[in-house]
Amino acid sequence: MKTLLPILLLALTSACSRSEASAADAKPPQPTGSPAGVRVDVQSKAKLEGSENEIAVRFHVANGAKRDVAYQGYSEDMPTYSVEFEEGGGWSPYSVGFCGTGLLDFNLQPGAEMSFQVVIPADGKTYRAKFGDPLVVTPPVVAEAR
């Protein structure tokens, strides 16, 4: 019995330290929404014309906040954005490429509205887009055409 006790204590200590290590490896919290007063809605979602494997999602953004949302883009309704997909309880980056040529600076002023389109693969995963400063985050969208 005396030799069994140290083995049990060692096993219990090892199990505890593994639990603590896995908690330390957790992903840091990520933004879940837009700034207070900025509203983002899904305006439309459909298969991208001419493509069987892509979905076009149009978002509508209304700035009800007291400050501008600054962003870069090619026009007021074509901001540069990043896209993420939901994976394992968190969000992972989805590669979107933008050319820097022709980028302009824009401000969505308080009370102003704009719409923009995001193209995502029609793979059934859940996606969201982000742009601007302060960071505007779209609602999550499942990539299946309606």
N, C-alpha and C. Protein backbone atom coordinates (compact mmCIF):
# COMPACT_ATOMS: atom_id res chain seq x y z
N MET A 1 0.82 -1.19 0.00
CA MET A 1 0.00 0.00 0.00
C MET A 1 0.87 1.26 0.00
N LYS A 2 2.04 1.21 0.73
CA LYS A 2 2.91 2.37 0.79
C LYS A 2 3.48 2.70 -0.58
N THR A 3 3.74 1.73 -1.41
CA THR A 3 4.29 2.00 -2.74
C THR A 3 3.20 2.47 -3.70
N LEU A 4 1.97 2.12 -3.45
CA LEU A 4 0.86 2.53 -4.31
C LEU A 4 0.50 4.01 -4.12
N LEU A 5 0.62 4.54 -2.93
CA LEU A 5 0.27 5.93 -2.64
C LEU A 5 1.11 6.93 -3.45
N PRO A 6 2.44 6.80 -3.51
CA PRO A 6 3.22 7.74 -4.31
C PRO A 6 2.86 7.68 -5.80
N ILE A 7 2.54 6.51 -6.29
CA ILE A 7 2.16 6.36 -7.69
C ILE A 7 0.84 7.09 -7.96
N LEU A 8 -0.13 6.94 -7.05
CA LEU A 8 -1.41 7.63 -7.19
C LEU A 8 -1.23 9.15 -7.13
N LEU A 9 -0.39 9.64 -6.21
CA LEU A 9 -0.13 11.07 -6.11
C LEU A 9 0.54 11.60 -7.37
N LEU A 10 1.48 10.84 -7.92
CA LEU A 10 2.15 11.24 -9.15
C LEU A 10 1.15 11.31 -10.31
N ALA A 11 0.28 10.32 -10.41
CA ALA A 11 -0.73 10.31 -11.48
C ALA A 11 -1.68 11.50 -11.34
N LEU A 12 -2.11 11.79 -10.12
CA LEU A 12 -3.01 12.91 -9.89
C LEU A 12 -2.33 14.24 -10.22
N THR A 13 -1.08 14.42 -9.83
CA THR A 13 -0.34 15.64 -10.14
C THR A 13 -0.15 15.81 -11.64
N SER A 14 0.15 14.74 -12.34
CA SER A 14 0.33 14.81 -13.79
C SER A 14 -0.97 15.21 -14.48
N ALA A 15 -2.06 14.65 -14.05
CA ALA A 15 -3.35 14.97 -14.66
C ALA A 15 -3.70 16.44 -14.45
N CYS A 16 -3.41 16.97 -13.25
CA CYS A 16 -3.72 18.37 -12.98
C CYS A 16 -2.87 19.29 -13.83
N SER A 17 -1.59 19.01 -13.97
CA SER A 17 -0.74 19.91 -14.75
C SER A 17 -1.10 19.85 -16.23
N ARG A 18 -1.58 18.71 -16.74
CA ARG A 18 -2.02 18.64 -18.14
C ARG A 18 -3.24 19.52 -18.34
N SER A 19 -4.16 19.53 -17.38
CA SER A 19 -5.35 20.37 -17.50
C SER A 19 -4.97 21.84 -17.52
N GLU A 20 -4.05 22.23 -16.66
CA GLU A 20 -3.63 23.63 -16.63
C GLU A 20 -2.93 24.02 -17.93
N ALA A 21 -2.14 23.12 -18.50
CA ALA A 21 -1.44 23.43 -19.74
C ALA A 21 -2.44 23.60 -20.89
N SER A 22 -3.47 22.77 -20.92
CA SER A 22 -4.43 22.91 -22.02
C SER A 22 -5.22 24.21 -21.90
N ALA A 23 -5.47 24.69 -20.69
CA ALA A 23 -6.16 25.97 -20.53
C ALA A 23 -5.28 27.12 -21.01
N ALA A 24 -3.97 27.01 -20.80
CA ALA A 24 -3.05 28.06 -21.24
C ALA A 24 -2.94 28.10 -22.76
N ASP A 25 -3.18 26.96 -23.42
CA ASP A 25 -3.08 26.89 -24.88
C ASP A 25 -4.33 27.41 -25.58
N ALA A 26 -5.36 27.76 -24.84
CA ALA A 26 -6.61 28.22 -25.45
C ALA A 26 -6.38 29.49 -26.25
N LYS A 27 -7.18 29.67 -27.32
CA LYS A 27 -7.06 30.87 -28.15
C LYS A 27 -7.52 32.09 -27.37
N PRO A 28 -6.87 33.24 -27.61
CA PRO A 28 -7.32 34.46 -26.92
C PRO A 28 -8.69 34.88 -27.42
N PRO A 29 -9.45 35.64 -26.61
CA PRO A 29 -10.78 36.07 -27.04
C PRO A 29 -10.68 36.90 -28.31
N GLN A 30 -11.65 36.74 -29.19
CA GLN A 30 -11.68 37.47 -30.45
C GLN A 30 -12.91 38.35 -30.50
N PRO A 31 -12.87 39.41 -31.31
CA PRO A 31 -14.02 40.30 -31.37
C PRO A 31 -15.28 39.55 -31.79
N THR A 32 -16.38 39.86 -31.15
CA THR A 32 -17.63 39.17 -31.46
C THR A 32 -18.66 40.08 -32.09
N GLY A 33 -18.42 41.37 -32.11
CA GLY A 33 -19.42 42.27 -32.68
C GLY A 33 -18.83 43.62 -33.01
N SER A 34 -19.68 44.45 -33.54
CA SER A 34 -19.28 45.79 -33.96
C SER A 34 -19.37 46.75 -32.78
N PRO A 35 -18.78 47.95 -32.94
CA PRO A 35 -18.86 48.94 -31.86
C PRO A 35 -20.31 49.31 -31.55
N ALA A 36 -20.55 49.75 -30.33
CA ALA A 36 -21.90 50.16 -29.93
C ALA A 36 -22.42 51.22 -30.90
N GLY A 37 -23.63 51.02 -31.38
CA GLY A 37 -24.25 51.97 -32.29
C GLY A 37 -24.07 51.64 -33.75
N VAL A 38 -23.14 50.75 -34.08
CA VAL A 38 -22.94 50.36 -35.48
C VAL A 38 -23.72 49.07 -35.71
N ARG A 39 -24.65 49.12 -36.66
CA ARG A 39 -25.50 47.97 -36.94
C ARG A 39 -25.13 47.38 -38.29
N VAL A 40 -24.97 46.04 -38.33
CA VAL A 40 -24.66 45.33 -39.57
C VAL A 40 -25.71 44.25 -39.76
N ASP A 41 -26.37 44.25 -40.91
CA ASP A 41 -27.38 43.25 -41.23
C ASP A 41 -27.04 42.57 -42.55
N VAL A 42 -27.51 41.33 -42.69
CA VAL A 42 -27.39 40.63 -43.97
C VAL A 42 -28.51 41.14 -44.87
N GLN A 43 -28.15 41.72 -46.00
CA GLN A 43 -29.13 42.24 -46.95
C GLN A 43 -29.58 41.16 -47.92
N SER A 44 -28.62 40.36 -48.40
CA SER A 44 -28.95 39.27 -49.33
C SER A 44 -27.84 38.23 -49.30
N LYS A 45 -28.20 37.03 -49.74
CA LYS A 45 -27.24 35.93 -49.83
C LYS A 45 -27.70 35.03 -50.97
N ALA A 46 -26.84 34.81 -51.97
CA ALA A 46 -27.21 34.00 -53.12
C ALA A 46 -25.96 33.44 -53.78
N LYS A 47 -26.15 32.40 -54.61
CA LYS A 47 -25.03 31.89 -55.38
C LYS A 47 -24.50 33.01 -56.26
N LEU A 48 -23.18 33.08 -56.35
CA LEU A 48 -22.55 34.09 -57.18
C LEU A 48 -22.84 33.74 -58.64
N GLU A 49 -23.34 34.70 -59.38
CA GLU A 49 -23.68 34.46 -60.77
C GLU A 49 -22.45 33.98 -61.54
N GLY A 50 -22.61 32.88 -62.26
CA GLY A 50 -21.52 32.32 -63.04
C GLY A 50 -20.61 31.40 -62.26
N SER A 51 -20.91 31.14 -61.00
CA SER A 51 -20.08 30.27 -60.17
C SER A 51 -20.95 29.29 -59.41
N GLU A 52 -20.59 28.04 -59.45
CA GLU A 52 -21.33 27.01 -58.71
C GLU A 52 -20.81 26.83 -57.28
N ASN A 53 -19.62 27.36 -57.00
CA ASN A 53 -19.03 27.08 -55.69
C ASN A 53 -18.73 28.32 -54.86
N GLU A 54 -19.43 29.44 -55.15
CA GLU A 54 -19.23 30.65 -54.36
C GLU A 54 -20.58 31.30 -54.03
N ILE A 55 -20.61 31.94 -52.88
CA ILE A 55 -21.80 32.64 -52.39
C ILE A 55 -21.48 34.13 -52.29
N ALA A 56 -22.39 34.97 -52.74
CA ALA A 56 -22.25 36.42 -52.59
C ALA A 56 -23.18 36.86 -51.46
N VAL A 57 -22.61 37.49 -50.46
CA VAL A 57 -23.37 37.98 -49.32
C VAL A 57 -23.26 39.50 -49.30
N ARG A 58 -24.39 40.19 -49.28
CA ARG A 58 -24.40 41.65 -49.21
C ARG A 58 -24.80 42.06 -47.79
N PHE A 59 -23.95 42.88 -47.18
CA PHE A 59 -24.17 43.39 -45.83
C PHE A 59 -24.55 44.87 -45.91
N HIS A 60 -25.41 45.29 -45.00
CA HIS A 60 -25.79 46.69 -44.87
C HIS A 60 -25.26 47.18 -43.52
N VAL A 61 -24.54 48.30 -43.53
CA VAL A 61 -23.94 48.86 -42.32
C VAL A 61 -24.54 50.24 -42.07
N ALA A 62 -25.05 50.46 -40.86
CA ALA A 62 -25.58 51.76 -40.46
C ALA A 62 -24.79 52.24 -39.25
N ASN A 63 -24.17 53.40 -39.37
CA ASN A 63 -23.36 53.93 -38.28
C ASN A 63 -24.21 54.83 -37.39
N GLY A 64 -24.71 54.27 -36.31
CA GLY A 64 -25.46 55.02 -35.32
C GLY A 64 -24.59 55.45 -34.16
N ALA A 65 -23.27 55.26 -34.30
CA ALA A 65 -22.33 55.65 -33.24
C ALA A 65 -22.05 57.15 -33.32
N LYS A 66 -21.29 57.64 -32.37
CA LYS A 66 -20.97 59.06 -32.33
C LYS A 66 -19.66 59.40 -33.03
N ARG A 67 -18.98 58.39 -33.57
CA ARG A 67 -17.72 58.64 -34.26
C ARG A 67 -17.70 57.93 -35.60
N ASP A 68 -16.82 58.40 -36.47
CA ASP A 68 -16.65 57.80 -37.80
C ASP A 68 -16.11 56.39 -37.69
N VAL A 69 -16.40 55.59 -38.70
CA VAL A 69 -15.71 54.32 -38.91
C VAL A 69 -14.81 54.56 -40.12
N ALA A 70 -13.50 54.55 -39.90
CA ALA A 70 -12.54 54.76 -40.98
C ALA A 70 -12.23 53.42 -41.63
N TYR A 71 -12.11 53.42 -42.96
CA TYR A 71 -11.76 52.19 -43.65
C TYR A 71 -11.11 52.51 -44.99
N GLN A 72 -10.39 51.54 -45.52
CA GLN A 72 -9.82 51.65 -46.85
C GLN A 72 -10.64 50.83 -47.81
N GLY A 73 -10.67 51.25 -49.06
CA GLY A 73 -11.40 50.50 -50.07
C GLY A 73 -11.16 51.09 -51.44
N TYR A 74 -11.84 50.52 -52.42
CA TYR A 74 -11.73 50.98 -53.80
C TYR A 74 -12.82 52.00 -54.13
N SER A 75 -13.91 51.95 -53.37
CA SER A 75 -14.99 52.94 -53.42
C SER A 75 -15.71 52.83 -52.08
N GLU A 76 -16.68 53.72 -51.84
CA GLU A 76 -17.36 53.71 -50.55
C GLU A 76 -18.06 52.39 -50.26
N ASP A 77 -18.50 51.69 -51.31
CA ASP A 77 -19.20 50.41 -51.12
C ASP A 77 -18.33 49.20 -51.46
N MET A 78 -17.00 49.40 -51.51
CA MET A 78 -16.07 48.29 -51.75
C MET A 78 -14.90 48.37 -50.77
N PRO A 79 -15.17 48.16 -49.47
CA PRO A 79 -14.07 48.23 -48.50
C PRO A 79 -13.18 47.00 -48.61
N THR A 80 -11.94 47.15 -48.19
CA THR A 80 -11.11 45.96 -48.01
C THR A 80 -11.54 45.35 -46.67
N TYR A 81 -11.57 44.04 -46.60
CA TYR A 81 -12.05 43.35 -45.40
C TYR A 81 -11.28 42.06 -45.23
N SER A 82 -11.35 41.52 -44.03
CA SER A 82 -10.81 40.19 -43.78
C SER A 82 -11.99 39.27 -43.53
N VAL A 83 -11.80 37.98 -43.79
CA VAL A 83 -12.85 36.98 -43.60
C VAL A 83 -12.32 35.89 -42.68
N GLU A 84 -13.20 35.41 -41.81
CA GLU A 84 -12.87 34.30 -40.92
C GLU A 84 -13.96 33.24 -41.02
N PHE A 85 -13.59 31.99 -40.74
CA PHE A 85 -14.59 30.93 -40.67
C PHE A 85 -14.53 30.28 -39.29
N GLU A 86 -15.70 29.79 -38.86
CA GLU A 86 -15.81 29.20 -37.54
C GLU A 86 -15.23 27.79 -37.57
N GLU A 87 -14.38 27.52 -36.56
CA GLU A 87 -13.72 26.22 -36.52
C GLU A 87 -13.33 25.91 -35.08
N GLY A 88 -13.79 24.78 -34.59
CA GLY A 88 -13.40 24.34 -33.25
C GLY A 88 -13.73 25.31 -32.14
N GLY A 89 -14.87 25.99 -32.24
CA GLY A 89 -15.29 26.92 -31.20
C GLY A 89 -14.66 28.29 -31.30
N GLY A 90 -13.85 28.54 -32.32
CA GLY A 90 -13.22 29.85 -32.51
C GLY A 90 -13.28 30.26 -33.97
N TRP A 91 -12.60 31.32 -34.30
CA TRP A 91 -12.59 31.85 -35.66
C TRP A 91 -11.18 31.76 -36.22
N SER A 92 -11.08 31.22 -37.45
CA SER A 92 -9.80 31.09 -38.15
C SER A 92 -9.81 31.95 -39.40
N PRO A 93 -8.66 32.51 -39.78
CA PRO A 93 -8.63 33.37 -40.96
C PRO A 93 -8.87 32.58 -42.24
N TYR A 94 -9.60 33.20 -43.16
CA TYR A 94 -9.80 32.68 -44.51
C TYR A 94 -9.10 33.66 -45.44
N SER A 95 -8.26 33.15 -46.29
CA SER A 95 -7.43 34.01 -47.13
C SER A 95 -8.24 34.79 -48.16
N VAL A 96 -8.14 36.11 -48.07
CA VAL A 96 -8.74 37.02 -49.05
C VAL A 96 -7.62 37.94 -49.49
N GLY A 97 -7.44 38.10 -50.79
CA GLY A 97 -6.36 38.96 -51.26
C GLY A 97 -6.90 40.24 -51.88
N PHE A 98 -6.29 41.35 -51.51
CA PHE A 98 -6.62 42.63 -52.11
C PHE A 98 -5.34 43.24 -52.65
N CYS A 99 -5.44 43.86 -53.80
CA CYS A 99 -4.33 44.61 -54.37
C CYS A 99 -4.34 46.00 -53.75
N GLY A 100 -3.20 46.53 -53.39
CA GLY A 100 -3.13 47.84 -52.78
C GLY A 100 -3.27 48.99 -53.76
N THR A 101 -3.17 48.69 -55.06
CA THR A 101 -3.28 49.75 -56.06
C THR A 101 -4.69 50.30 -56.10
N GLY A 102 -4.82 51.59 -55.99
CA GLY A 102 -6.12 52.24 -56.08
C GLY A 102 -6.89 52.33 -54.78
N LEU A 103 -6.29 51.90 -53.67
CA LEU A 103 -6.99 51.99 -52.39
C LEU A 103 -7.12 53.45 -51.95
N LEU A 104 -8.28 53.77 -51.42
CA LEU A 104 -8.56 55.11 -50.93
C LEU A 104 -9.01 55.03 -49.48
N ASP A 105 -8.94 56.14 -48.77
CA ASP A 105 -9.42 56.21 -47.38
C ASP A 105 -10.84 56.75 -47.38
N PHE A 106 -11.71 56.11 -46.57
CA PHE A 106 -13.10 56.52 -46.45
C PHE A 106 -13.48 56.60 -44.98
N ASN A 107 -14.54 57.34 -44.70
CA ASN A 107 -15.10 57.44 -43.36
C ASN A 107 -16.61 57.26 -43.45
N LEU A 108 -17.13 56.32 -42.70
CA LEU A 108 -18.58 56.17 -42.57
C LEU A 108 -18.96 57.03 -41.37
N GLN A 109 -19.49 58.18 -41.66
CA GLN A 109 -19.78 59.16 -40.62
C GLN A 109 -21.01 58.76 -39.80
N PRO A 110 -21.15 59.30 -38.60
CA PRO A 110 -22.34 59.02 -37.79
C PRO A 110 -23.60 59.36 -38.58
N GLY A 111 -24.57 58.45 -38.59
CA GLY A 111 -25.82 58.62 -39.32
C GLY A 111 -25.76 58.11 -40.75
N ALA A 112 -24.57 57.81 -41.25
CA ALA A 112 -24.42 57.34 -42.63
C ALA A 112 -24.61 55.82 -42.72
N GLU A 113 -24.90 55.36 -43.93
CA GLU A 113 -25.10 53.93 -44.20
C GLU A 113 -24.34 53.55 -45.46
N MET A 114 -24.02 52.27 -45.57
CA MET A 114 -23.39 51.74 -46.78
C MET A 114 -23.67 50.25 -46.86
N SER A 115 -23.52 49.69 -48.05
CA SER A 115 -23.65 48.25 -48.26
C SER A 115 -22.41 47.78 -49.00
N PHE A 116 -22.03 46.54 -48.74
CA PHE A 116 -20.90 45.96 -49.46
C PHE A 116 -21.10 44.46 -49.59
N GLN A 117 -20.40 43.88 -50.57
CA GLN A 117 -20.54 42.45 -50.87
C GLN A 117 -19.28 41.69 -50.47
N VAL A 118 -19.48 40.49 -49.93
CA VAL A 118 -18.40 39.58 -49.58
C VAL A 118 -18.66 38.27 -50.32
N VAL A 119 -17.63 37.72 -50.95
CA VAL A 119 -17.76 36.44 -51.65
C VAL A 119 -17.06 35.37 -50.82
N ILE A 120 -17.79 34.28 -50.53
CA ILE A 120 -17.26 33.18 -49.73
C ILE A 120 -17.51 31.86 -50.45
N PRO A 121 -16.74 30.82 -50.15
CA PRO A 121 -16.98 29.53 -50.79
C PRO A 121 -18.29 28.90 -50.31
N ALA A 122 -18.97 28.21 -51.21
CA ALA A 122 -20.24 27.54 -50.87
C ALA A 122 -19.93 26.17 -50.29
N ASP A 123 -19.38 26.17 -49.08
CA ASP A 123 -18.93 24.92 -48.47
C ASP A 123 -19.69 24.56 -47.19
N GLY A 124 -20.72 25.32 -46.85
CA GLY A 124 -21.53 25.02 -45.67
C GLY A 124 -20.93 25.50 -44.36
N LYS A 125 -19.73 26.09 -44.39
CA LYS A 125 -19.12 26.61 -43.16
C LYS A 125 -19.74 27.96 -42.81
N THR A 126 -19.49 28.41 -41.60
CA THR A 126 -19.97 29.71 -41.13
C THR A 126 -18.84 30.72 -41.24
N TYR A 127 -19.15 31.87 -41.87
CA TYR A 127 -18.15 32.92 -42.12
C TYR A 127 -18.60 34.25 -41.53
N ARG A 128 -17.65 35.14 -41.31
CA ARG A 128 -17.93 36.53 -40.99
C ARG A 128 -16.82 37.39 -41.59
N ALA A 129 -17.12 38.66 -41.80
CA ALA A 129 -16.13 39.60 -42.34
C ALA A 129 -15.89 40.70 -41.33
N LYS A 130 -14.72 41.35 -41.44
CA LYS A 130 -14.36 42.45 -40.54
C LYS A 130 -13.68 43.54 -41.36
N PHE A 131 -13.97 44.79 -41.00
CA PHE A 131 -13.29 45.91 -41.64
C PHE A 131 -13.36 47.13 -40.73
N GLY A 132 -12.54 48.12 -41.03
CA GLY A 132 -12.66 49.43 -40.41
C GLY A 132 -11.96 49.60 -39.08
N ASP A 133 -11.97 50.89 -38.65
CA ASP A 133 -11.44 51.29 -37.37
C ASP A 133 -12.37 52.35 -36.79
N PRO A 134 -13.11 52.04 -35.72
CA PRO A 134 -13.08 50.81 -34.94
C PRO A 134 -13.60 49.62 -35.75
N LEU A 135 -13.17 48.44 -35.36
CA LEU A 135 -13.45 47.22 -36.11
C LEU A 135 -14.94 46.91 -36.17
N VAL A 136 -15.45 46.76 -37.38
CA VAL A 136 -16.84 46.38 -37.62
C VAL A 136 -16.85 44.90 -37.99
N VAL A 137 -17.67 44.12 -37.30
CA VAL A 137 -17.74 42.68 -37.52
C VAL A 137 -19.15 42.34 -38.00
N THR A 138 -19.24 41.62 -39.13
CA THR A 138 -20.55 41.24 -39.66
C THR A 138 -21.13 40.09 -38.86
N PRO A 139 -22.45 39.90 -38.96
CA PRO A 139 -23.01 38.70 -38.33
C PRO A 139 -22.51 37.46 -39.07
N PRO A 140 -22.40 36.33 -38.36
CA PRO A 140 -21.98 35.09 -39.02
C PRO A 140 -23.01 34.66 -40.07
N VAL A 141 -22.50 34.08 -41.17
CA VAL A 141 -23.35 33.63 -42.27
C VAL A 141 -22.93 32.22 -42.66
N VAL A 142 -23.91 31.31 -42.77
CA VAL A 142 -23.63 29.95 -43.26
C VAL A 142 -23.56 30.02 -44.77
N ALA A 143 -22.50 29.47 -45.34
CA ALA A 143 -22.23 29.58 -46.77
C ALA A 143 -23.03 28.57 -47.59
N GLU A 144 -24.33 28.74 -47.59
CA GLU A 144 -25.23 27.95 -48.43
C GLU A 144 -26.20 28.94 -49.07
N ALA A 145 -26.44 28.77 -50.36
CA ALA A 145 -27.36 29.69 -51.05
C ALA A 145 -28.78 29.43 -50.60
N ARG A 146 -29.58 30.49 -50.57
CA ARG A 146 -31.00 30.36 -50.21
C ARG A 146 -31.82 30.03 -51.42
